[in-house]
Amino acid sequence: ESGSPPSPEAMARTEALLQEMRKKGVLVASIGMAPSSRGARVRFANGKRSVMDGPFAESKELIAGFAVLEAPTVADAIDLSAEFASIIGDVEIDFLPIVAMETH
């Protein structure tokens, strides 16, 4: 993770692709995520919660699902995650701030 934003050229290519997908009607939403250095990883195991501030290595497994939460801070989002863990059980959750979001 470099922690630096994509180049203007990469952003322009990405926006062109998103525009094309909008025209085709296949784009539901686009979300820009901040680097993991601004996020946190929360692990629930045996009824206990541990929090690790980013940056952290890439996930070892594929994403099984996701949720977009609106919270004032990462710490507030972490507190909200306890409800997910109470249903799912032992789980690892990554939190990344959203830097841009667009829906159609």
PDB file of N, CA and C in Angstrom:
ATOM      1  N   GLU A   1       0.845  -1.172   0.000  1.00  0.00           N
ATOM      2  CA  GLU A   1       0.000   0.000   0.000  1.00  0.00           C
ATOM      3  C   GLU A   1       0.886   1.229   0.000  1.00  0.00           C
ATOM      4  N   SER A   2       0.734   2.049  -0.994  1.00  0.00           N
ATOM      5  CA  SER A   2       1.591   3.224  -1.081  1.00  0.00           C
ATOM      6  C   SER A   2       1.080   4.363  -0.222  1.00  0.00           C
ATOM      7  N   GLY A   3      -0.221   4.435   0.013  1.00  0.00           N
ATOM      8  CA  GLY A   3      -0.786   5.508   0.810  1.00  0.00           C
ATOM      9  C   GLY A   3      -0.969   6.794   0.027  1.00  0.00           C
ATOM     10  N   SER A   4      -0.492   6.814  -1.223  1.00  0.00           N
ATOM     11  CA  SER A   4      -0.666   8.013  -2.036  1.00  0.00           C
ATOM     12  C   SER A   4      -1.838   7.816  -2.985  1.00  0.00           C
ATOM     13  N   PRO A   5      -2.498   8.897  -3.352  1.00  0.00           N
ATOM     14  CA  PRO A   5      -3.640   8.768  -4.254  1.00  0.00           C
ATOM     15  C   PRO A   5      -3.191   8.349  -5.648  1.00  0.00           C
ATOM     16  N   PRO A   6      -4.120   7.789  -6.428  1.00  0.00           N
ATOM     17  CA  PRO A   6      -3.786   7.422  -7.811  1.00  0.00           C
ATOM     18  C   PRO A   6      -3.393   8.660  -8.613  1.00  0.00           C
ATOM     19  N   SER A   7      -2.654   8.439  -9.669  1.00  0.00           N
ATOM     20  CA  SER A   7      -2.235   9.551 -10.525  1.00  0.00           C
ATOM     21  C   SER A   7      -3.454  10.161 -11.210  1.00  0.00           C
ATOM     22  N   PRO A   8      -3.350  11.420 -11.646  1.00  0.00           N
ATOM     23  CA  PRO A   8      -4.467  12.028 -12.388  1.00  0.00           C
ATOM     24  C   PRO A   8      -4.838  11.232 -13.637  1.00  0.00           C
ATOM     25  N   GLU A   9      -3.834  10.644 -14.277  1.00  0.00           N
ATOM     26  CA  GLU A   9      -4.105   9.839 -15.476  1.00  0.00           C
ATOM     27  C   GLU A   9      -4.934   8.603 -15.122  1.00  0.00           C
ATOM     28  N   ALA A  10      -4.564   7.932 -14.036  1.00  0.00           N
ATOM     29  CA  ALA A  10      -5.312   6.748 -13.607  1.00  0.00           C
ATOM     30  C   ALA A  10      -6.730   7.135 -13.197  1.00  0.00           C
ATOM     31  N   MET A  11      -6.875   8.276 -12.525  1.00  0.00           N
ATOM     32  CA  MET A  11      -8.203   8.741 -12.129  1.00  0.00           C
ATOM     33  C   MET A  11      -9.062   9.038 -13.363  1.00  0.00           C
ATOM     34  N   ALA A  12      -8.463   9.637 -14.372  1.00  0.00           N
ATOM     35  CA  ALA A  12      -9.205   9.953 -15.604  1.00  0.00           C
ATOM     36  C   ALA A  12      -9.643   8.673 -16.311  1.00  0.00           C
ATOM     37  N   ARG A  13      -8.767   7.677 -16.387  1.00  0.00           N
ATOM     38  CA  ARG A  13      -9.128   6.397 -17.014  1.00  0.00           C
ATOM     39  C   ARG A  13     -10.239   5.706 -16.221  1.00  0.00           C
ATOM     40  N   THR A  14     -10.128   5.779 -14.895  1.00  0.00           N
ATOM     41  CA  THR A  14     -11.153   5.168 -14.047  1.00  0.00           C
ATOM     42  C   THR A  14     -12.495   5.857 -14.250  1.00  0.00           C
ATOM     43  N   GLU A  15     -12.505   7.181 -14.282  1.00  0.00           N
ATOM     44  CA  GLU A  15     -13.760   7.926 -14.470  1.00  0.00           C
ATOM     45  C   GLU A  15     -14.372   7.616 -15.839  1.00  0.00           C
ATOM     46  N   ALA A  16     -13.539   7.485 -16.877  1.00  0.00           N
ATOM     47  CA  ALA A  16     -14.047   7.138 -18.202  1.00  0.00           C
ATOM     48  C   ALA A  16     -14.715   5.761 -18.174  1.00  0.00           C
ATOM     49  N   LEU A  17     -14.107   4.811 -17.498  1.00  0.00           N
ATOM     50  CA  LEU A  17     -14.687   3.475 -17.387  1.00  0.00           C
ATOM     51  C   LEU A  17     -16.003   3.531 -16.617  1.00  0.00           C
ATOM     52  N   LEU A  18     -16.035   4.279 -15.522  1.00  0.00           N
ATOM     53  CA  LEU A  18     -17.266   4.397 -14.742  1.00  0.00           C
ATOM     54  C   LEU A  18     -18.382   5.039 -15.570  1.00  0.00           C
ATOM     55  N   GLN A  19     -18.046   6.052 -16.360  1.00  0.00           N
ATOM     56  CA  GLN A  19     -19.041   6.687 -17.230  1.00  0.00           C
ATOM     57  C   GLN A  19     -19.605   5.677 -18.233  1.00  0.00           C
ATOM     58  N   GLU A  20     -18.721   4.860 -18.805  1.00  0.00           N
ATOM     59  CA  GLU A  20     -19.151   3.829 -19.749  1.00  0.00           C
ATOM     60  C   GLU A  20     -20.089   2.829 -19.061  1.00  0.00           C
ATOM     61  N   MET A  21     -19.738   2.430 -17.854  1.00  0.00           N
ATOM     62  CA  MET A  21     -20.579   1.492 -17.117  1.00  0.00           C
ATOM     63  C   MET A  21     -21.932   2.115 -16.761  1.00  0.00           C
ATOM     64  N   ARG A  22     -21.939   3.427 -16.446  1.00  0.00           N
ATOM     65  CA  ARG A  22     -23.210   4.117 -16.177  1.00  0.00           C
ATOM     66  C   ARG A  22     -24.106   4.082 -17.412  1.00  0.00           C
ATOM     67  N   LYS A  23     -23.519   4.384 -18.565  1.00  0.00           N
ATOM     68  CA  LYS A  23     -24.274   4.390 -19.827  1.00  0.00           C
ATOM     69  C   LYS A  23     -24.868   3.017 -20.123  1.00  0.00           C
ATOM     70  N   LYS A  24     -24.135   1.963 -19.795  1.00  0.00           N
ATOM     71  CA  LYS A  24     -24.621   0.601 -20.016  1.00  0.00           C
ATOM     72  C   LYS A  24     -25.641   0.179 -18.969  1.00  0.00           C
ATOM     73  N   GLY A  25     -25.734   0.963 -17.878  1.00  0.00           N
ATOM     74  CA  GLY A  25     -26.681   0.638 -16.818  1.00  0.00           C
ATOM     75  C   GLY A  25     -26.234  -0.473 -15.888  1.00  0.00           C
ATOM     76  N   VAL A  26     -24.945  -0.747 -15.851  1.00  0.00           N
ATOM     77  CA  VAL A  26     -24.455  -1.829 -14.994  1.00  0.00           C
ATOM     78  C   VAL A  26     -23.812  -1.342 -13.700  1.00  0.00           C
ATOM     79  N   LEU A  27     -23.531  -0.042 -13.594  1.00  0.00           N
ATOM     80  CA  LEU A  27     -22.891   0.487 -12.393  1.00  0.00           C
ATOM     81  C   LEU A  27     -23.945   0.826 -11.349  1.00  0.00           C
ATOM     82  N   VAL A  28     -23.857   0.221 -10.191  1.00  0.00           N
ATOM     83  CA  VAL A  28     -24.777   0.498  -9.095  1.00  0.00           C
ATOM     84  C   VAL A  28     -24.233   1.642  -8.244  1.00  0.00           C
ATOM     85  N   ALA A  29     -22.968   1.567  -7.876  1.00  0.00           N
ATOM     86  CA  ALA A  29     -22.337   2.612  -7.069  1.00  0.00           C
ATOM     87  C   ALA A  29     -20.835   2.505  -7.220  1.00  0.00           C
ATOM     88  N   SER A  30     -20.157   3.604  -7.014  1.00  0.00           N
ATOM     89  CA  SER A  30     -18.695   3.567  -6.982  1.00  0.00           C
ATOM     90  C   SER A  30     -18.247   4.217  -5.690  1.00  0.00           C
ATOM     91  N   ILE A  31     -17.278   3.587  -5.064  1.00  0.00           N
ATOM     92  CA  ILE A  31     -16.801   4.043  -3.766  1.00  0.00           C
ATOM     93  C   ILE A  31     -15.279   4.055  -3.790  1.00  0.00           C
ATOM     94  N   GLY A  32     -14.698   5.156  -3.411  1.00  0.00           N
ATOM     95  CA  GLY A  32     -13.252   5.236  -3.242  1.00  0.00           C
ATOM     96  C   GLY A  32     -12.919   4.983  -1.788  1.00  0.00           C
ATOM     97  N   MET A  33     -11.985   4.097  -1.533  1.00  0.00           N
ATOM     98  CA  MET A  33     -11.610   3.752  -0.161  1.00  0.00           C
ATOM     99  C   MET A  33     -10.247   4.357   0.160  1.00  0.00           C
ATOM    100  N   ALA A  34     -10.118   4.831   1.381  1.00  0.00           N
ATOM    101  CA  ALA A  34      -8.838   5.346   1.854  1.00  0.00           C
ATOM    102  C   ALA A  34      -7.892   4.168   2.078  1.00  0.00           C
ATOM    103  N   PRO A  35      -6.593   4.429   2.114  1.00  0.00           N
ATOM    104  CA  PRO A  35      -5.650   3.342   2.381  1.00  0.00           C
ATOM    105  C   PRO A  35      -5.832   2.779   3.790  1.00  0.00           C
ATOM    106  N   SER A  36      -5.402   1.547   3.977  1.00  0.00           N
ATOM    107  CA  SER A  36      -5.590   0.890   5.273  1.00  0.00           C
ATOM    108  C   SER A  36      -4.861   1.606   6.407  1.00  0.00           C
ATOM    109  N   SER A  37      -3.908   2.456   6.085  1.00  0.00           N
ATOM    110  CA  SER A  37      -3.224   3.219   7.139  1.00  0.00           C
ATOM    111  C   SER A  37      -4.187   4.144   7.874  1.00  0.00           C
ATOM    112  N   ARG A  38      -5.339   4.438   7.271  1.00  0.00           N
ATOM    113  CA  ARG A  38      -6.343   5.278   7.915  1.00  0.00           C
ATOM    114  C   ARG A  38      -7.488   4.456   8.491  1.00  0.00           C
ATOM    115  N   GLY A  39      -7.383   3.133   8.429  1.00  0.00           N
ATOM    116  CA  GLY A  39      -8.461   2.263   8.874  1.00  0.00           C
ATOM    117  C   GLY A  39      -8.102   1.471  10.117  1.00  0.00           C
ATOM    118  N   ALA A  40      -8.876   0.441  10.347  1.00  0.00           N
ATOM    119  CA  ALA A  40      -8.665  -0.435  11.494  1.00  0.00           C
ATOM    120  C   ALA A  40      -9.144  -1.832  11.142  1.00  0.00           C
ATOM    121  N   ARG A  41      -8.589  -2.827  11.793  1.00  0.00           N
ATOM    122  CA  ARG A  41      -9.023  -4.217  11.655  1.00  0.00           C
ATOM    123  C   ARG A  41      -9.508  -4.664  13.020  1.00  0.00           C
ATOM    124  N   VAL A  42     -10.692  -5.234  13.056  1.00  0.00           N
ATOM    125  CA  VAL A  42     -11.285  -5.687  14.309  1.00  0.00           C
ATOM    126  C   VAL A  42     -11.464  -7.191  14.224  1.00  0.00           C
ATOM    127  N   ARG A  43     -11.050  -7.890  15.252  1.00  0.00           N
ATOM    128  CA  ARG A  43     -11.214  -9.342  15.306  1.00  0.00           C
ATOM    129  C   ARG A  43     -12.068  -9.679  16.517  1.00  0.00           C
ATOM    130  N   PHE A  44     -13.119 -10.439  16.277  1.00  0.00           N
ATOM    131  CA  PHE A  44     -13.957 -10.965  17.344  1.00  0.00           C
ATOM    132  C   PHE A  44     -13.670 -12.448  17.448  1.00  0.00           C
ATOM    133  N   ALA A  45     -13.280 -12.911  18.612  1.00  0.00           N
ATOM    134  CA  ALA A  45     -12.998 -14.331  18.831  1.00  0.00           C
ATOM    135  C   ALA A  45     -13.311 -14.672  20.282  1.00  0.00           C
ATOM    136  N   ASN A  46     -14.038 -15.736  20.453  1.00  0.00           N
ATOM    137  CA  ASN A  46     -14.397 -16.197  21.795  1.00  0.00           C
ATOM    138  C   ASN A  46     -15.053 -15.103  22.630  1.00  0.00           C
ATOM    139  N   GLY A  47     -15.883 -14.307  21.974  1.00  0.00           N
ATOM    140  CA  GLY A  47     -16.610 -13.261  22.674  1.00  0.00           C
ATOM    141  C   GLY A  47     -15.787 -12.041  23.048  1.00  0.00           C
ATOM    142  N   LYS A  48     -14.544 -11.953  22.567  1.00  0.00           N
ATOM    143  CA  LYS A  48     -13.691 -10.812  22.876  1.00  0.00           C
ATOM    144  C   LYS A  48     -13.345 -10.050  21.608  1.00  0.00           C
ATOM    145  N   ARG A  49     -13.201  -8.734  21.741  1.00  0.00           N
ATOM    146  CA  ARG A  49     -12.880  -7.873  20.602  1.00  0.00           C
ATOM    147  C   ARG A  49     -11.466  -7.346  20.740  1.00  0.00           C
ATOM    148  N   SER A  50     -10.692  -7.429  19.647  1.00  0.00           N
ATOM    149  CA  SER A  50      -9.385  -6.781  19.609  1.00  0.00           C
ATOM    150  C   SER A  50      -9.351  -5.875  18.383  1.00  0.00           C
ATOM    151  N   VAL A  51      -8.702  -4.721  18.526  1.00  0.00           N
ATOM    152  CA  VAL A  51      -8.645  -3.729  17.462  1.00  0.00           C
ATOM    153  C   VAL A  51      -7.190  -3.464  17.119  1.00  0.00           C
ATOM    154  N   MET A  52      -6.882  -3.497  15.811  1.00  0.00           N
ATOM    155  CA  MET A  52      -5.543  -3.187  15.339  1.00  0.00           C
ATOM    156  C   MET A  52      -5.653  -2.025  14.355  1.00  0.00           C
ATOM    157  N   ASP A  53      -4.939  -0.941  14.641  1.00  0.00           N
ATOM    158  CA  ASP A  53      -4.912   0.184  13.721  1.00  0.00           C
ATOM    159  C   ASP A  53      -4.118  -0.194  12.481  1.00  0.00           C
ATOM    160  N   GLY A  54      -4.504   0.388  11.334  1.00  0.00           N
ATOM    161  CA  GLY A  54      -3.792   0.158  10.091  1.00  0.00           C
ATOM    162  C   GLY A  54      -2.443   0.862  10.115  1.00  0.00           C
ATOM    163  N   PRO A  55      -1.592   0.658   9.151  1.00  0.00           N
ATOM    164  CA  PRO A  55      -1.856  -0.173   7.974  1.00  0.00           C
ATOM    165  C   PRO A  55      -1.720  -1.649   8.290  1.00  0.00           C
ATOM    166  N   PHE A  56      -2.391  -2.462   7.478  1.00  0.00           N
ATOM    167  CA  PHE A  56      -2.287  -3.898   7.640  1.00  0.00           C
ATOM    168  C   PHE A  56      -2.150  -4.552   6.281  1.00  0.00           C
ATOM    169  N   ALA A  57      -1.622  -5.775   6.302  1.00  0.00           N
ATOM    170  CA  ALA A  57      -1.370  -6.507   5.061  1.00  0.00           C
ATOM    171  C   ALA A  57      -2.687  -6.815   4.365  1.00  0.00           C
ATOM    172  N   GLU A  58      -2.594  -7.189   3.116  1.00  0.00           N
ATOM    173  CA  GLU A  58      -3.797  -7.546   2.359  1.00  0.00           C
ATOM    174  C   GLU A  58      -4.532  -8.685   3.041  1.00  0.00           C
ATOM    175  N   SER A  59      -5.835  -8.737   2.808  1.00  0.00           N
ATOM    176  CA  SER A  59      -6.637  -9.816   3.375  1.00  0.00           C
ATOM    177  C   SER A  59      -6.165 -11.149   2.836  1.00  0.00           C
ATOM    178  N   LYS A  60      -6.223 -12.168   3.682  1.00  0.00           N
ATOM    179  CA  LYS A  60      -5.783 -13.504   3.286  1.00  0.00           C
ATOM    180  C   LYS A  60      -6.884 -14.245   2.538  1.00  0.00           C
ATOM    181  N   GLU A  61      -8.115 -13.770   2.682  1.00  0.00           N
ATOM    182  CA  GLU A  61      -9.245 -14.466   2.085  1.00  0.00           C
ATOM    183  C   GLU A  61     -10.091 -13.489   1.294  1.00  0.00           C
ATOM    184  N   LEU A  62     -10.955 -14.026   0.461  1.00  0.00           N
ATOM    185  CA  LEU A  62     -11.864 -13.183  -0.297  1.00  0.00           C
ATOM    186  C   LEU A  62     -12.919 -12.585   0.618  1.00  0.00           C
ATOM    187  N   ILE A  63     -13.445 -11.452   0.219  1.00  0.00           N
ATOM    188  CA  ILE A  63     -14.503 -10.805   0.991  1.00  0.00           C
ATOM    189  C   ILE A  63     -15.757 -11.657   0.910  1.00  0.00           C
ATOM    190  N   ALA A  64     -16.343 -11.948   2.067  1.00  0.00           N
ATOM    191  CA  ALA A  64     -17.565 -12.749   2.124  1.00  0.00           C
ATOM    192  C   ALA A  64     -18.801 -11.863   2.088  1.00  0.00           C
ATOM    193  N   GLY A  65     -18.626 -10.592   2.327  1.00  0.00           N
ATOM    194  CA  GLY A  65     -19.724  -9.641   2.306  1.00  0.00           C
ATOM    195  C   GLY A  65     -19.217  -8.296   2.763  1.00  0.00           C
ATOM    196  N   PHE A  66     -20.061  -7.286   2.631  1.00  0.00           N
ATOM    197  CA  PHE A  66     -19.642  -5.979   3.090  1.00  0.00           C
ATOM    198  C   PHE A  66     -20.853  -5.160   3.492  1.00  0.00           C
ATOM    199  N   ALA A  67     -20.590  -4.145   4.272  1.00  0.00           N
ATOM    200  CA  ALA A  67     -21.609  -3.187   4.665  1.00  0.00           C
ATOM    201  C   ALA A  67     -20.978  -1.811   4.623  1.00  0.00           C
ATOM    202  N   VAL A  68     -21.750  -0.827   4.243  1.00  0.00           N
ATOM    203  CA  VAL A  68     -21.298   0.553   4.269  1.00  0.00           C
ATOM    204  C   VAL A  68     -22.017   1.216   5.426  1.00  0.00           C
ATOM    205  N   LEU A  69     -21.251   1.669   6.401  1.00  0.00           N
ATOM    206  CA  LEU A  69     -21.808   2.303   7.587  1.00  0.00           C
ATOM    207  C   LEU A  69     -21.484   3.791   7.559  1.00  0.00           C
ATOM    208  N   GLU A  70     -22.417   4.588   8.018  1.00  0.00           N
ATOM    209  CA  GLU A  70     -22.131   6.011   8.162  1.00  0.00           C
ATOM    210  C   GLU A  70     -21.932   6.295   9.641  1.00  0.00           C
ATOM    211  N   ALA A  71     -20.716   6.659   9.984  1.00  0.00           N
ATOM    212  CA  ALA A  71     -20.372   6.936  11.373  1.00  0.00           C
ATOM    213  C   ALA A  71     -19.385   8.100  11.370  1.00  0.00           C
ATOM    214  N   PRO A  72     -19.383   8.899  12.425  1.00  0.00           N
ATOM    215  CA  PRO A  72     -18.489  10.056  12.448  1.00  0.00           C
ATOM    216  C   PRO A  72     -17.006   9.688  12.436  1.00  0.00           C
ATOM    217  N   THR A  73     -16.648   8.550  13.034  1.00  0.00           N
ATOM    218  CA  THR A  73     -15.242   8.153  13.105  1.00  0.00           C
ATOM    219  C   THR A  73     -15.121   6.645  12.917  1.00  0.00           C
ATOM    220  N   VAL A  74     -13.900   6.192  12.645  1.00  0.00           N
ATOM    221  CA  VAL A  74     -13.641   4.751  12.565  1.00  0.00           C
ATOM    222  C   VAL A  74     -13.965   4.105  13.909  1.00  0.00           C
ATOM    223  N   ALA A  75     -13.647   4.780  14.996  1.00  0.00           N
ATOM    224  CA  ALA A  75     -13.934   4.228  16.330  1.00  0.00           C
ATOM    225  C   ALA A  75     -15.434   3.991  16.517  1.00  0.00           C
ATOM    226  N   ASP A  76     -16.256   4.909  16.034  1.00  0.00           N
ATOM    227  CA  ASP A  76     -17.702   4.724  16.132  1.00  0.00           C
ATOM    228  C   ASP A  76     -18.157   3.537  15.281  1.00  0.00           C
ATOM    229  N   ALA A  77     -17.575   3.382  14.092  1.00  0.00           N
ATOM    230  CA  ALA A  77     -17.919   2.244  13.238  1.00  0.00           C
ATOM    231  C   ALA A  77     -17.508   0.932  13.900  1.00  0.00           C
ATOM    232  N   ILE A  78     -16.354   0.934  14.568  1.00  0.00           N
ATOM    233  CA  ILE A  78     -15.897  -0.264  15.284  1.00  0.00           C
ATOM    234  C   ILE A  78     -16.916  -0.650  16.354  1.00  0.00           C
ATOM    235  N   ASP A  79     -17.415   0.334  17.078  1.00  0.00           N
ATOM    236  CA  ASP A  79     -18.425   0.050  18.101  1.00  0.00           C
ATOM    237  C   ASP A  79     -19.677  -0.573  17.472  1.00  0.00           C
ATOM    238  N   LEU A  80     -20.067  -0.088  16.298  1.00  0.00           N
ATOM    239  CA  LEU A  80     -21.240  -0.643  15.621  1.00  0.00           C
ATOM    240  C   LEU A  80     -21.017  -2.094  15.189  1.00  0.00           C
ATOM    241  N   SER A  81     -19.760  -2.476  14.958  1.00  0.00           N
ATOM    242  CA  SER A  81     -19.471  -3.820  14.459  1.00  0.00           C
ATOM    243  C   SER A  81     -19.817  -4.914  15.455  1.00  0.00           C
ATOM    244  N   ALA A  82     -19.906  -4.578  16.716  1.00  0.00           N
ATOM    245  CA  ALA A  82     -20.232  -5.585  17.729  1.00  0.00           C
ATOM    246  C   ALA A  82     -21.568  -6.252  17.431  1.00  0.00           C
ATOM    247  N   GLU A  83     -22.499  -5.498  16.860  1.00  0.00           N
ATOM    248  CA  GLU A  83     -23.798  -6.086  16.518  1.00  0.00           C
ATOM    249  C   GLU A  83     -23.655  -7.151  15.431  1.00  0.00           C
ATOM    250  N   PHE A  84     -22.795  -6.892  14.420  1.00  0.00           N
ATOM    251  CA  PHE A  84     -22.541  -7.892  13.388  1.00  0.00           C
ATOM    252  C   PHE A  84     -21.923  -9.139  14.008  1.00  0.00           C
ATOM    253  N   ALA A  85     -20.922  -8.924  14.857  1.00  0.00           N
ATOM    254  CA  ALA A  85     -20.219 -10.059  15.461  1.00  0.00           C
ATOM    255  C   ALA A  85     -21.135 -10.885  16.344  1.00  0.00           C
ATOM    256  N   SER A  86     -22.115 -10.247  16.980  1.00  0.00           N
ATOM    257  CA  SER A  86     -23.024 -11.005  17.843  1.00  0.00           C
ATOM    258  C   SER A  86     -23.874 -11.979  17.027  1.00  0.00           C
ATOM    259  N   ILE A  87     -24.054 -11.688  15.750  1.00  0.00           N
ATOM    260  CA  ILE A  87     -24.826 -12.582  14.871  1.00  0.00           C
ATOM    261  C   ILE A  87     -23.906 -13.586  14.185  1.00  0.00           C
ATOM    262  N   ILE A  88     -22.772 -13.108  13.671  1.00  0.00           N
ATOM    263  CA  ILE A  88     -21.880 -13.936  12.859  1.00  0.00           C
ATOM    264  C   ILE A  88     -21.002 -14.836  13.716  1.00  0.00           C
ATOM    265  N   GLY A  89     -20.582 -14.366  14.878  1.00  0.00           N
ATOM    266  CA  GLY A  89     -19.648 -15.119  15.716  1.00  0.00           C
ATOM    267  C   GLY A  89     -18.233 -14.650  15.476  1.00  0.00           C
ATOM    268  N   ASP A  90     -17.282 -15.560  15.563  1.00  0.00           N
ATOM    269  CA  ASP A  90     -15.882 -15.206  15.367  1.00  0.00           C
ATOM    270  C   ASP A  90     -15.699 -14.676  13.954  1.00  0.00           C
ATOM    271  N   VAL A  91     -15.182 -13.461  13.819  1.00  0.00           N
ATOM    272  CA  VAL A  91     -15.076 -12.812  12.518  1.00  0.00           C
ATOM    273  C   VAL A  91     -13.981 -11.757  12.565  1.00  0.00           C
ATOM    274  N   GLU A  92     -13.417 -11.452  11.411  1.00  0.00           N
ATOM    275  CA  GLU A  92     -12.449 -10.375  11.277  1.00  0.00           C
ATOM    276  C   GLU A  92     -13.047  -9.345  10.335  1.00  0.00           C
ATOM    277  N   ILE A  93     -13.030  -8.086  10.737  1.00  0.00           N
ATOM    278  CA  ILE A  93     -13.666  -7.019   9.966  1.00  0.00           C
ATOM    279  C   ILE A  93     -12.642  -5.923   9.719  1.00  0.00           C
ATOM    280  N   ASP A  94     -12.508  -5.482   8.465  1.00  0.00           N
ATOM    281  CA  ASP A  94     -11.655  -4.344   8.133  1.00  0.00           C
ATOM    282  C   ASP A  94     -12.526  -3.114   7.961  1.00  0.00           C
ATOM    283  N   PHE A  95     -12.063  -1.990   8.483  1.00  0.00           N
ATOM    284  CA  PHE A  95     -12.754  -0.716   8.341  1.00  0.00           C
ATOM    285  C   PHE A  95     -11.867   0.222   7.547  1.00  0.00           C
ATOM    286  N   LEU A  96     -12.405   0.780   6.470  1.00  0.00           N
ATOM    287  CA  LEU A  96     -11.681   1.758   5.663  1.00  0.00           C
ATOM    288  C   LEU A  96     -12.588   2.954   5.450  1.00  0.00           C
ATOM    289  N   PRO A  97     -12.094   4.156   5.722  1.00  0.00           N
ATOM    290  CA  PRO A  97     -12.912   5.336   5.462  1.00  0.00           C
ATOM    291  C   PRO A  97     -13.212   5.478   3.977  1.00  0.00           C
ATOM    292  N   ILE A  98     -14.397   5.928   3.659  1.00  0.00           N
ATOM    293  CA  ILE A  98     -14.781   6.206   2.277  1.00  0.00           C
ATOM    294  C   ILE A  98     -14.304   7.609   1.941  1.00  0.00           C
ATOM    295  N   VAL A  99     -13.621   7.744   0.822  1.00  0.00           N
ATOM    296  CA  VAL A  99     -13.138   9.053   0.415  1.00  0.00           C
ATOM    297  C   VAL A  99     -14.011   9.656  -0.676  1.00  0.00           C
ATOM    298  N   ALA A 100     -14.781   8.836  -1.383  1.00  0.00           N
ATOM    299  CA  ALA A 100     -15.692   9.339  -2.405  1.00  0.00           C
ATOM    300  C   ALA A 100     -16.730   8.271  -2.679  1.00  0.00           C
ATOM    301  N   MET A 101     -17.959   8.692  -2.903  1.00  0.00           N
ATOM    302  CA  MET A 101     -19.016   7.740  -3.227  1.00  0.00           C
ATOM    303  C   MET A 101     -19.984   8.394  -4.183  1.00  0.00           C
ATOM    304  N   GLU A 102     -20.387   7.623  -5.169  1.00  0.00           N
ATOM    305  CA  GLU A 102     -21.362   8.108  -6.131  1.00  0.00           C
ATOM    306  C   GLU A 102     -22.343   6.998  -6.426  1.00  0.00           C
ATOM    307  N   THR A 103     -23.614   7.307  -6.464  1.00  0.00           N
ATOM    308  CA  THR A 103     -24.622   6.331  -6.854  1.00  0.00           C
ATOM    309  C   THR A 103     -25.390   6.884  -8.039  1.00  0.00           C
ATOM    310  N   HIS A 104     -26.062   6.005  -8.771  1.00  0.00           N
ATOM    311  CA  HIS A 104     -26.886   6.505  -9.888  1.00  0.00           C
ATOM    312  C   HIS A 104     -28.314   6.155  -9.673  1.00  0.00           C
TER     313      HIS A 104
END
